[in-house]
Amino acid sequence: MNLNRLLRKNIRRLKGYSAEEIPCRVKLDANESPYGFPYLLEGLEKTVSTNRYPDPEGRELKRAAARRWRLRPGNILIGNGSDEIIYYLITAFGGPVLYPTPTFSMYGIISRILGEEGIGVPLDRSFDLDTEGMTEVIREARPKLIFLSSPNNPTGNCFSSERIFRIIKASRGIVVVDEAYQPFSSRWGMLRLLEEFDNLAIMRTLSKIGFASLRVGFLLARKELIDAVDRVRLPFNVNALSQAVAVEVMKRYGEIEKALRVISRERERLYRELERIDGVTPYPSEANFILFKVRGASDVHEGLLSRGVLVRDMRGSVRDCLRVTVGTPEENRLFLDSLREVLSRDRRR
């Protein structure tokens, strides 16, 4: 049987998202928090019934999230991670789908999976939005969805608020601001503007703040938009254990914020240390990772891995660049020591 012949045409040449697990001593490639909160699991066996389906609407979690973000439960849709929410948005509204590049690859991948056109517009030299290029595409292609990740992955910077506003005002489609990394940013997000713009939606997630294993994401928008996306949501899409832990996260967010402050301080220290290393150019970051340029990035990546330190090779998105997640102080020290060793070895050759 020729499976390739049976595949849909848009899937035959599609390369899916790669999340390969590579053995290492220090894992700094996936933008995960180095800090977990296992004590939040205590006592949940008394509240989670393994023989019953989870609450299909996630009502308690919506109420907790609504209190946290000062919204109504009807303004919130819960997803099995942000990926599922992106999938639902494109399923519900279709394309074309517009996004800057480089950015989170799933905007383009899910567009292609669903047979919709994905249009990427390169960022400018300062990694900010090219509003002229994007508004031109808006006029010509009339995208139904625009995804803006701010802070952006992999560049780490926040886009200019003024440029985001210009794109929201120029678009007749829905502008989704993905704020996965907003908890690490010194800037306010777009949450307070939901009432001002009826075509604005915001995504948030628990994955970056210490709960990647839960796979809990949120879509925040006007109720009409939430109701429209809810039509394509799969039943029981978020499991009961994830819902229960996420409720505790919302109730005890102050404890999580302490770890976020530690990560942000370590990010600034890590950035300063990278600046001092000859041949390395780090880019300012408002996220929990730092993109840095280095000569011979491929060899440096392999050299780090040979020392047990895994970072992300971003050469496919940004020339000569690697991305390092901010770890614990000890993990960051091991990364910096290993990086200096690799570069020193290369200079001696």
Foldseek 3Di string as FASTA:
>chain_A
DPVLVVDDPLPNPADDDDDDDDFFDFEWADLAAQDADVVLLPPCVVVADPVDFADQQLVLLLVLVCVLLVHHSLQKGKFLAVLVVLLLVCVLFNWDEEEEAPFDCSNVRSNSVVPGHYDYHYAPPLRARPLVVLLVCCVVVQTQEYEAEAVTPPAFHGHDPVSVVSNLVSHPHAYEYEDQFVLLAPDDDCSVCQVVGQRYKYKYDPRNLHPVVQSMIMIGHPSVVSVSSVVPDDGSRGGNSSSSSSSVCSVPVVVSSVSSVQLSVLVVVLQVLQVPAPQKAWHDHSGQKIKIAGPPLVQLQVQCVVVRYHWADCCVGPNRIIMTGRYHPVSSVSSSVSSNVSVVVVVVD
